[in-house]
């Protein structure tokens, strides 16, 4: 309470915890489980662990996933592989490849020399056209970087956006996709196994971007020497994240 005007406020005002009826100790315990568990936690598992309802656990997880994204995070640099992968269950009767009805996720991975991978970015896009791919690359990759792609025409606009494109036409190279672009396909494999294992393959397309951000947050901190530092980072980002209501996440957050 302000001693002059008597205005009352809360220490949680203006943060992701604003107006929550869940004790902050429960929020902190959720953040600890989320950052220390190797593969994270599903809402069902967290609900059983905390002794809360499924809805409370689900909402806390989605609010934290929003807090995991730093508005000022640095774009990827250097050599960056970019390609799309398809996430979802069995697709019966749909078109093959980029015409599938599965969810399309475009992935960008920094390639380290002489070997290894750096940071990643992911985005759920409606289709594999240049209209969807170019905004992702512009947001995720620093201008002047070398972007490694396959021969898909959706990436033809890269030079016009300030990138050097190195395209590998898979049909001409004779190598499978996981050999020509190992970074993207390694990350895609880990993503699919995580969704299948931790979330039992049950991810609503409306919420897919939130799950992608959680996986990105964990993957980009995979070499951290202390889980406690990752826990601290999540709480730091939670207190600078604007308030998020349950209604904001119920039908999919507007990323």
C-alpha atoms as a PDB file:
ATOM      1  CA  UNK A   1       0.000   0.000   0.000  1.00  0.00           C
ATOM      2  CA  UNK A   2       1.281   3.431  -0.957  1.00  0.00           C
ATOM      3  CA  UNK A   3       1.680   5.556   2.169  1.00  0.00           C
ATOM      4  CA  UNK A   4       0.681   8.683   0.246  1.00  0.00           C
ATOM      5  CA  UNK A   5      -2.278   7.769  -1.972  1.00  0.00           C
ATOM      6  CA  UNK A   6      -3.229   4.504  -0.177  1.00  0.00           C
ATOM      7  CA  UNK A   7      -3.281   2.654  -3.504  1.00  0.00           C
ATOM      8  CA  UNK A   8      -2.985  -1.098  -3.003  1.00  0.00           C
ATOM      9  CA  UNK A   9      -1.040  -3.376  -5.322  1.00  0.00           C
ATOM     10  CA  UNK A  10       0.543  -6.813  -5.295  1.00  0.00           C
ATOM     11  CA  UNK A  11       4.103  -8.012  -5.851  1.00  0.00           C
ATOM     12  CA  UNK A  12       2.712 -10.342  -8.530  1.00  0.00           C
ATOM     13  CA  UNK A  13       1.032  -7.515 -10.469  1.00  0.00           C
ATOM     14  CA  UNK A  14       2.337  -7.202 -14.014  1.00  0.00           C
ATOM     15  CA  UNK A  15       3.823 -10.709 -14.009  1.00  0.00           C
ATOM     16  CA  UNK A  16       2.679 -14.082 -15.279  1.00  0.00           C
ATOM     17  CA  UNK A  17       1.476 -14.788 -11.698  1.00  0.00           C
ATOM     18  CA  UNK A  18      -0.974 -11.875 -11.622  1.00  0.00           C
ATOM     19  CA  UNK A  19      -4.350 -12.659  -9.996  1.00  0.00           C
ATOM     20  CA  UNK A  20      -3.462 -16.319  -9.519  1.00  0.00           C
ATOM     21  CA  UNK A  21      -5.269 -18.169  -6.747  1.00  0.00           C
ATOM     22  CA  UNK A  22      -2.635 -20.900  -6.733  1.00  0.00           C
ATOM     23  CA  UNK A  23       0.015 -20.463  -3.992  1.00  0.00           C
ATOM     24  CA  UNK A  24       3.338 -19.150  -5.264  1.00  0.00           C
ATOM     25  CA  UNK A  25       5.070 -22.113  -3.641  1.00  0.00           C
ATOM     26  CA  UNK A  26       3.105 -24.357  -6.010  1.00  0.00           C
ATOM     27  CA  UNK A  27       4.142 -22.189  -8.953  1.00  0.00           C
ATOM     28  CA  UNK A  28       7.790 -22.437  -7.883  1.00  0.00           C
ATOM     29  CA  UNK A  29       7.561 -26.208  -7.466  1.00  0.00           C
ATOM     30  CA  UNK A  30       6.072 -26.441 -10.956  1.00  0.00           C
ATOM     31  CA  UNK A  31       8.959 -24.400 -12.373  1.00  0.00           C
ATOM     32  CA  UNK A  32      11.436 -26.694 -10.614  1.00  0.00           C
ATOM     33  CA  UNK A  33       9.884 -29.862 -12.037  1.00  0.00           C
ATOM     34  CA  UNK A  34       9.601 -28.275 -15.477  1.00  0.00           C
ATOM     35  CA  UNK A  35      13.288 -27.331 -15.617  1.00  0.00           C
ATOM     36  CA  UNK A  36      14.895 -30.259 -13.789  1.00  0.00           C
ATOM     37  CA  UNK A  37      13.000 -33.187 -15.299  1.00  0.00           C
ATOM     38  CA  UNK A  38      15.015 -34.323 -18.318  1.00  0.00           C
ATOM     39  CA  UNK A  39      11.987 -34.490 -20.582  1.00  0.00           C
ATOM     40  CA  UNK A  40       9.724 -32.058 -18.787  1.00  0.00           C
ATOM     41  CA  UNK A  41       6.316 -33.061 -17.461  1.00  0.00           C
ATOM     42  CA  UNK A  42       2.871 -33.558 -18.878  1.00  0.00           C
ATOM     43  CA  UNK A  43      -0.042 -31.830 -17.169  1.00  0.00           C
ATOM     44  CA  UNK A  44      -1.368 -35.198 -15.992  1.00  0.00           C
ATOM     45  CA  UNK A  45       1.933 -36.150 -14.348  1.00  0.00           C
ATOM     46  CA  UNK A  46       2.319 -32.705 -12.787  1.00  0.00           C
ATOM     47  CA  UNK A  47      -1.235 -32.833 -11.450  1.00  0.00           C
ATOM     48  CA  UNK A  48      -0.495 -36.131  -9.690  1.00  0.00           C
ATOM     49  CA  UNK A  49       2.830 -34.831  -8.366  1.00  0.00           C
ATOM     50  CA  UNK A  50       1.456 -31.579  -6.945  1.00  0.00           C
ATOM     51  CA  UNK A  51      -1.938 -32.876  -5.860  1.00  0.00           C
ATOM     52  CA  UNK A  52      -3.765 -30.222  -7.895  1.00  0.00           C
ATOM     53  CA  UNK A  53      -6.495 -30.560 -10.460  1.00  0.00           C
ATOM     54  CA  UNK A  54      -5.515 -31.286 -14.052  1.00  0.00           C
ATOM     55  CA  UNK A  55      -6.788 -27.874 -15.171  1.00  0.00           C
ATOM     56  CA  UNK A  56      -4.594 -25.997 -12.675  1.00  0.00           C
ATOM     57  CA  UNK A  57      -1.506 -27.975 -13.713  1.00  0.00           C
ATOM     58  CA  UNK A  58      -2.281 -27.521 -17.421  1.00  0.00           C
ATOM     59  CA  UNK A  59      -2.763 -23.752 -17.092  1.00  0.00           C
ATOM     60  CA  UNK A  60       0.438 -23.259 -15.081  1.00  0.00           C
ATOM     61  CA  UNK A  61       2.455 -25.168 -17.674  1.00  0.00           C
ATOM     62  CA  UNK A  62       1.074 -23.115 -20.543  1.00  0.00           C
ATOM     63  CA  UNK A  63       1.750 -19.838 -18.751  1.00  0.00           C
ATOM     64  CA  UNK A  64       5.324 -20.902 -18.114  1.00  0.00           C
ATOM     65  CA  UNK A  65       5.742 -21.870 -21.767  1.00  0.00           C
ATOM     66  CA  UNK A  66       4.832 -18.327 -22.741  1.00  0.00           C
ATOM     67  CA  UNK A  67       7.359 -16.991 -20.210  1.00  0.00           C
ATOM     68  CA  UNK A  68      10.080 -19.145 -21.778  1.00  0.00           C
ATOM     69  CA  UNK A  69      10.241 -16.860 -24.829  1.00  0.00           C
ATOM     70  CA  UNK A  70      12.469 -13.807 -24.396  1.00  0.00           C
ATOM     71  CA  UNK A  71      11.377 -10.921 -26.591  1.00  0.00           C
ATOM     72  CA  UNK A  72      15.005  -9.831 -26.980  1.00  0.00           C
ATOM     73  CA  UNK A  73      16.494 -13.257 -27.704  1.00  0.00           C
ATOM     74  CA  UNK A  74      19.307 -13.145 -30.230  1.00  0.00           C
ATOM     75  CA  UNK A  75      18.710 -14.564 -33.731  1.00  0.00           C
ATOM     76  CA  UNK A  76      20.668 -17.555 -34.991  1.00  0.00           C
ATOM     77  CA  UNK A  77      23.923 -16.790 -36.793  1.00  0.00           C
ATOM     78  CA  UNK A  78      26.542 -18.369 -39.044  1.00  0.00           C
ATOM     79  CA  UNK A  79      25.581 -21.513 -40.944  1.00  0.00           C
ATOM     80  CA  UNK A  80      21.935 -22.320 -40.249  1.00  0.00           C
ATOM     81  CA  UNK A  81      20.007 -25.337 -41.537  1.00  0.00           C
ATOM     82  CA  UNK A  82      16.313 -24.698 -42.234  1.00  0.00           C
ATOM     83  CA  UNK A  83      13.754 -27.315 -43.199  1.00  0.00           C
ATOM     84  CA  UNK A  84      10.204 -28.398 -42.441  1.00  0.00           C
ATOM     85  CA  UNK A  85       9.081 -31.547 -40.661  1.00  0.00           C
ATOM     86  CA  UNK A  86       5.653 -33.036 -40.114  1.00  0.00           C
ATOM     87  CA  UNK A  87       4.264 -33.624 -36.642  1.00  0.00           C
ATOM     88  CA  UNK A  88       1.142 -35.613 -35.888  1.00  0.00           C
ATOM     89  CA  UNK A  89      -0.389 -39.043 -35.903  1.00  0.00           C
ATOM     90  CA  UNK A  90      -1.130 -41.349 -38.804  1.00  0.00           C
ATOM     91  CA  UNK A  91      -2.237 -39.498 -41.908  1.00  0.00           C
ATOM     92  CA  UNK A  92      -4.594 -41.696 -43.903  1.00  0.00           C
ATOM     93  CA  UNK A  93      -5.671 -40.570 -47.343  1.00  0.00           C
ATOM     94  CA  UNK A  94      -3.736 -37.294 -47.313  1.00  0.00           C
ATOM     95  CA  UNK A  95      -1.204 -36.071 -49.813  1.00  0.00           C
ATOM     96  CA  UNK A  96       2.425 -37.107 -49.364  1.00  0.00           C
ATOM     97  CA  UNK A  97       5.235 -34.781 -48.320  1.00  0.00           C
ATOM     98  CA  UNK A  98       4.457 -31.056 -48.068  1.00  0.00           C
ATOM     99  CA  UNK A  99       0.840 -31.733 -49.029  1.00  0.00           C
ATOM    100  CA  UNK A 100       0.128 -33.694 -45.853  1.00  0.00           C
ATOM    101  CA  UNK A 101      -2.629 -32.821 -43.389  1.00  0.00           C
ATOM    102  CA  UNK A 102      -0.213 -33.208 -40.491  1.00  0.00           C
ATOM    103  CA  UNK A 103       1.085 -30.144 -38.671  1.00  0.00           C
ATOM    104  CA  UNK A 104       4.010 -28.506 -40.452  1.00  0.00           C
ATOM    105  CA  UNK A 105       6.847 -27.307 -38.233  1.00  0.00           C
ATOM    106  CA  UNK A 106       9.753 -25.363 -39.716  1.00  0.00           C
ATOM    107  CA  UNK A 107      13.032 -25.752 -37.817  1.00  0.00           C
ATOM    108  CA  UNK A 108      16.231 -23.705 -37.910  1.00  0.00           C
ATOM    109  CA  UNK A 109      19.451 -25.080 -36.377  1.00  0.00           C
ATOM    110  CA  UNK A 110      22.844 -23.427 -35.997  1.00  0.00           C
ATOM    111  CA  UNK A 111      25.604 -25.648 -37.402  1.00  0.00           C
ATOM    112  CA  UNK A 112      28.899 -25.502 -35.544  1.00  0.00           C
ATOM    113  CA  UNK A 113      32.277 -26.159 -37.155  1.00  0.00           C
ATOM    114  CA  UNK A 114      33.874 -28.654 -37.339  1.00  0.00           C
ATOM    115  CA  UNK A 115      30.859 -30.461 -35.837  1.00  0.00           C
ATOM    116  CA  UNK A 116      27.961 -30.053 -33.468  1.00  0.00           C
ATOM    117  CA  UNK A 117      24.784 -28.009 -33.235  1.00  0.00           C
ATOM    118  CA  UNK A 118      24.075 -24.687 -31.569  1.00  0.00           C
ATOM    119  CA  UNK A 119      20.738 -23.076 -30.797  1.00  0.00           C
ATOM    120  CA  UNK A 120      17.431 -23.849 -32.483  1.00  0.00           C
ATOM    121  CA  UNK A 121      14.162 -22.129 -33.360  1.00  0.00           C
ATOM    122  CA  UNK A 122      10.848 -23.725 -34.341  1.00  0.00           C
ATOM    123  CA  UNK A 123       7.512 -22.500 -35.618  1.00  0.00           C
ATOM    124  CA  UNK A 124       4.209 -24.140 -36.462  1.00  0.00           C
ATOM    125  CA  UNK A 125       3.266 -22.809 -39.906  1.00  0.00           C
ATOM    126  CA  UNK A 126       0.041 -23.269 -41.886  1.00  0.00           C
ATOM    127  CA  UNK A 127       1.834 -24.397 -45.054  1.00  0.00           C
ATOM    128  CA  UNK A 128       5.259 -24.695 -46.669  1.00  0.00           C
ATOM    129  CA  UNK A 129       4.903 -21.717 -49.001  1.00  0.00           C
ATOM    130  CA  UNK A 130       7.379 -18.863 -49.130  1.00  0.00           C
ATOM    131  CA  UNK A 131       4.708 -16.669 -47.519  1.00  0.00           C
ATOM    132  CA  UNK A 132       4.981 -18.766 -44.354  1.00  0.00           C
ATOM    133  CA  UNK A 133       8.683 -19.650 -44.494  1.00  0.00           C
ATOM    134  CA  UNK A 134      10.209 -16.215 -45.161  1.00  0.00           C
ATOM    135  CA  UNK A 135       8.771 -14.497 -42.028  1.00  0.00           C
ATOM    136  CA  UNK A 136      10.092 -17.348 -39.884  1.00  0.00           C
ATOM    137  CA  UNK A 137      13.606 -17.119 -41.326  1.00  0.00           C
ATOM    138  CA  UNK A 138      13.593 -13.314 -40.996  1.00  0.00           C
ATOM    139  CA  UNK A 139      12.607 -13.583 -37.314  1.00  0.00           C
ATOM    140  CA  UNK A 140      14.878 -16.504 -36.410  1.00  0.00           C
ATOM    141  CA  UNK A 141      18.074 -15.954 -38.415  1.00  0.00           C
ATOM    142  CA  UNK A 142      20.359 -12.908 -38.465  1.00  0.00           C
ATOM    143  CA  UNK A 143      20.822 -11.235 -41.880  1.00  0.00           C
ATOM    144  CA  UNK A 144      24.096 -12.150 -43.552  1.00  0.00           C
ATOM    145  CA  UNK A 145      23.938 -15.745 -42.348  1.00  0.00           C
ATOM    146  CA  UNK A 146      24.332 -18.726 -44.663  1.00  0.00           C
ATOM    147  CA  UNK A 147      21.033 -20.622 -44.805  1.00  0.00           C
ATOM    148  CA  UNK A 148      21.287 -24.292 -45.788  1.00  0.00           C
ATOM    149  CA  UNK A 149      18.092 -25.647 -47.361  1.00  0.00           C
ATOM    150  CA  UNK A 150      16.867 -28.314 -49.715  1.00  0.00           C
ATOM    151  CA  UNK A 151      15.699 -27.420 -53.212  1.00  0.00           C
ATOM    152  CA  UNK A 152      12.179 -26.394 -52.222  1.00  0.00           C
ATOM    153  CA  UNK A 153      11.060 -23.260 -54.072  1.00  0.00           C
ATOM    154  CA  UNK A 154       9.598 -21.765 -50.881  1.00  0.00           C
ATOM    155  CA  UNK A 155      13.141 -20.688 -49.962  1.00  0.00           C
ATOM    156  CA  UNK A 156      13.892 -18.915 -53.248  1.00  0.00           C
ATOM    157  CA  UNK A 157      13.336 -15.502 -51.660  1.00  0.00           C
ATOM    158  CA  UNK A 158      16.191 -15.852 -49.155  1.00  0.00           C
ATOM    159  CA  UNK A 159      18.787 -13.844 -51.141  1.00  0.00           C
ATOM    160  CA  UNK A 160      16.349 -10.963 -51.389  1.00  0.00           C
ATOM    161  CA  UNK A 161      16.109 -10.876 -47.576  1.00  0.00           C
ATOM    162  CA  UNK A 162      19.855 -10.581 -47.060  1.00  0.00           C
ATOM    163  CA  UNK A 163      20.823 -14.251 -46.729  1.00  0.00           C
ATOM    164  CA  UNK A 164      23.199 -16.477 -48.638  1.00  0.00           C
ATOM    165  CA  UNK A 165      21.330 -19.619 -49.629  1.00  0.00           C
ATOM    166  CA  UNK A 166      23.070 -22.928 -50.136  1.00  0.00           C
ATOM    167  CA  UNK A 167      20.554 -25.382 -51.542  1.00  0.00           C
ATOM    168  CA  UNK A 168      21.032 -29.135 -51.735  1.00  0.00           C
ATOM    169  CA  UNK A 169      18.682 -30.862 -54.164  1.00  0.00           C
ATOM    170  CA  UNK A 170      18.136 -34.189 -52.449  1.00  0.00           C
ATOM    171  CA  UNK A 171      17.122 -36.055 -55.600  1.00  0.00           C
ATOM    172  CA  UNK A 172      20.383 -35.001 -57.263  1.00  0.00           C
ATOM    173  CA  UNK A 173      22.695 -35.500 -54.297  1.00  0.00           C
ATOM    174  CA  UNK A 174      21.756 -39.138 -53.786  1.00  0.00           C
ATOM    175  CA  UNK A 175      21.915 -38.724 -49.991  1.00  0.00           C
ATOM    176  CA  UNK A 176      18.887 -39.158 -47.719  1.00  0.00           C
ATOM    177  CA  UNK A 177      17.554 -36.033 -46.011  1.00  0.00           C
ATOM    178  CA  UNK A 178      19.043 -36.929 -42.629  1.00  0.00           C
ATOM    179  CA  UNK A 179      22.530 -37.056 -44.199  1.00  0.00           C
ATOM    180  CA  UNK A 180      22.248 -33.859 -46.249  1.00  0.00           C
ATOM    181  CA  UNK A 181      20.677 -31.913 -43.360  1.00  0.00           C
ATOM    182  CA  UNK A 182      21.643 -33.730 -40.144  1.00  0.00           C
ATOM    183  CA  UNK A 183      20.923 -30.859 -37.738  1.00  0.00           C
ATOM    184  CA  UNK A 184      17.255 -30.347 -38.569  1.00  0.00           C
ATOM    185  CA  UNK A 185      16.501 -34.061 -38.718  1.00  0.00           C
ATOM    186  CA  UNK A 186      18.283 -34.795 -35.429  1.00  0.00           C
ATOM    187  CA  UNK A 187      16.288 -32.051 -33.701  1.00  0.00           C
ATOM    188  CA  UNK A 188      13.060 -33.203 -35.385  1.00  0.00           C
ATOM    189  CA  UNK A 189      13.649 -36.756 -34.169  1.00  0.00           C
ATOM    190  CA  UNK A 190      14.152 -35.552 -30.589  1.00  0.00           C
ATOM    191  CA  UNK A 191      11.029 -33.399 -30.817  1.00  0.00           C
ATOM    192  CA  UNK A 192       8.849 -36.257 -32.031  1.00  0.00           C
ATOM    193  CA  UNK A 193      10.176 -38.629 -29.373  1.00  0.00           C
ATOM    194  CA  UNK A 194       9.515 -36.016 -26.692  1.00  0.00           C
ATOM    195  CA  UNK A 195       5.924 -35.479 -27.836  1.00  0.00           C
ATOM    196  CA  UNK A 196       5.340 -39.219 -28.071  1.00  0.00           C
ATOM    197  CA  UNK A 197       7.039 -40.061 -24.767  1.00  0.00           C
ATOM    198  CA  UNK A 198       6.190 -37.196 -22.401  1.00  0.00           C
ATOM    199  CA  UNK A 199       2.844 -36.214 -23.919  1.00  0.00           C
ATOM    200  CA  UNK A 200       1.868 -39.603 -25.379  1.00  0.00           C
ATOM    201  CA  UNK A 201       1.527 -38.054 -28.816  1.00  0.00           C
ATOM    202  CA  UNK A 202      -1.438 -36.000 -27.650  1.00  0.00           C
ATOM    203  CA  UNK A 203      -0.706 -32.395 -28.671  1.00  0.00           C
ATOM    204  CA  UNK A 204      -3.543 -30.214 -29.933  1.00  0.00           C
ATOM    205  CA  UNK A 205      -2.471 -28.252 -33.049  1.00  0.00           C
ATOM    206  CA  UNK A 206      -3.873 -25.100 -31.418  1.00  0.00           C
ATOM    207  CA  UNK A 207      -1.303 -25.475 -28.624  1.00  0.00           C
ATOM    208  CA  UNK A 208       1.557 -26.916 -30.664  1.00  0.00           C
ATOM    209  CA  UNK A 209       3.571 -23.671 -30.725  1.00  0.00           C
ATOM    210  CA  UNK A 210       3.556 -23.582 -26.915  1.00  0.00           C
ATOM    211  CA  UNK A 211       5.050 -27.078 -26.772  1.00  0.00           C
ATOM    212  CA  UNK A 212       7.630 -26.092 -29.389  1.00  0.00           C
ATOM    213  CA  UNK A 213       8.718 -23.144 -27.237  1.00  0.00           C
ATOM    214  CA  UNK A 214       9.135 -25.381 -24.197  1.00  0.00           C
ATOM    215  CA  UNK A 215      11.270 -27.820 -26.155  1.00  0.00           C
ATOM    216  CA  UNK A 216      13.334 -24.938 -27.580  1.00  0.00           C
ATOM    217  CA  UNK A 217      13.907 -23.486 -24.090  1.00  0.00           C
ATOM    218  CA  UNK A 218      15.127 -26.839 -22.791  1.00  0.00           C
ATOM    219  CA  UNK A 219      17.199 -27.739 -25.871  1.00  0.00           C
ATOM    220  CA  UNK A 220      19.024 -24.399 -25.983  1.00  0.00           C
ATOM    221  CA  UNK A 221      20.056 -24.894 -22.346  1.00  0.00           C
ATOM    222  CA  UNK A 222      21.012 -28.549 -22.659  1.00  0.00           C
ATOM    223  CA  UNK A 223      24.660 -27.831 -21.825  1.00  0.00           C
ATOM    224  CA  UNK A 224      23.927 -25.857 -18.674  1.00  0.00           C
ATOM    225  CA  UNK A 225      26.082 -27.078 -15.795  1.00  0.00           C
ATOM    226  CA  UNK A 226      23.358 -26.423 -13.219  1.00  0.00           C
ATOM    227  CA  UNK A 227      19.652 -27.136 -13.373  1.00  0.00           C
ATOM    228  CA  UNK A 228      19.219 -24.539 -10.651  1.00  0.00           C
ATOM    229  CA  UNK A 229      20.375 -21.827 -13.040  1.00  0.00           C
ATOM    230  CA  UNK A 230      17.765 -22.894 -15.603  1.00  0.00           C
ATOM    231  CA  UNK A 231      15.118 -22.789 -12.849  1.00  0.00           C
ATOM    232  CA  UNK A 232      16.263 -19.279 -11.916  1.00  0.00           C
ATOM    233  CA  UNK A 233      16.163 -18.163 -15.543  1.00  0.00           C
ATOM    234  CA  UNK A 234      12.572 -19.348 -15.932  1.00  0.00           C
ATOM    235  CA  UNK A 235      11.472 -17.439 -12.826  1.00  0.00           C
ATOM    236  CA  UNK A 236      13.318 -14.331 -14.018  1.00  0.00           C
ATOM    237  CA  UNK A 237      11.440 -14.475 -17.293  1.00  0.00           C
ATOM    238  CA  UNK A 238       8.141 -15.174 -15.513  1.00  0.00           C
ATOM    239  CA  UNK A 239       8.308 -11.935 -13.530  1.00  0.00           C
ATOM    240  CA  UNK A 240       8.957  -9.806 -16.642  1.00  0.00           C
ATOM    241  CA  UNK A 241       6.285 -11.522 -18.745  1.00  0.00           C
ATOM    242  CA  UNK A 242       3.024  -9.628 -19.092  1.00  0.00           C
ATOM    243  CA  UNK A 243      -0.007 -11.155 -17.339  1.00  0.00           C
ATOM    244  CA  UNK A 244      -1.530 -14.155 -19.103  1.00  0.00           C
ATOM    245  CA  UNK A 245      -5.070 -15.195 -18.224  1.00  0.00           C
ATOM    246  CA  UNK A 246      -6.556 -18.654 -18.421  1.00  0.00           C
ATOM    247  CA  UNK A 247      -8.698 -17.432 -21.297  1.00  0.00           C
ATOM    248  CA  UNK A 248      -5.564 -16.451 -23.218  1.00  0.00           C
ATOM    249  CA  UNK A 249      -4.338 -20.045 -23.302  1.00  0.00           C
ATOM    250  CA  UNK A 250      -7.553 -22.080 -23.326  1.00  0.00           C
ATOM    251  CA  UNK A 251      -7.967 -22.155 -27.108  1.00  0.00           C
ATOM    252  CA  UNK A 252      -4.329 -21.575 -28.033  1.00  0.00           C
ATOM    253  CA  UNK A 253      -2.146 -18.578 -27.274  1.00  0.00           C
ATOM    254  CA  UNK A 254      -1.915 -15.925 -29.999  1.00  0.00           C
ATOM    255  CA  UNK A 255       1.810 -16.072 -30.632  1.00  0.00           C
END
